[in-house]
Amino acid sequence: RSHFGSSSGVGFKAMEDTTKAKITSQELADVASVTKPGRKGYSKVQIQAKLLAEQHDLDVLVEQMMNHVLHWRPDNPKVFLARWLALNCTDEQLREMGCEVQRQPRQKGDPKERKPPA
């Protein structure tokens, strides 16, 4: 269990994530079928990582995170990113992952406030 205190602007306690992405054999076969010519193929772990990244648009998320760090140049990038990630989740999503949410006033560099889906 780790704790991010008020220095990040969002206080929450994170519990260890025990969830694992469930990948179907068809998804594995689909990704394995598009290996680059001349390569023997991807390992099962590589395929699972690729599918997880695609399912959650992680490439876009990481790009946005880096853009914010480069734009705002925070003194503590790790804490800035922890806050940024928390602010890009709904309170419900954070609670599902075992986080206790205590919203603090918005700060420079915070993402725009998102409304939960209806």
Foldseek 3Di string as FASTA:
>chain_A
DDWDDCVLQKTKDFDDDPDDDDDDVVQVVVQQVPDDPPDPGDDPVVSSVVVVCVVVVVVVVVVVLVVLCVVVVDPDSVSPSVSQVVQVDDCVVCVVRVMDTDHGDDDPSHDDHDDDDD
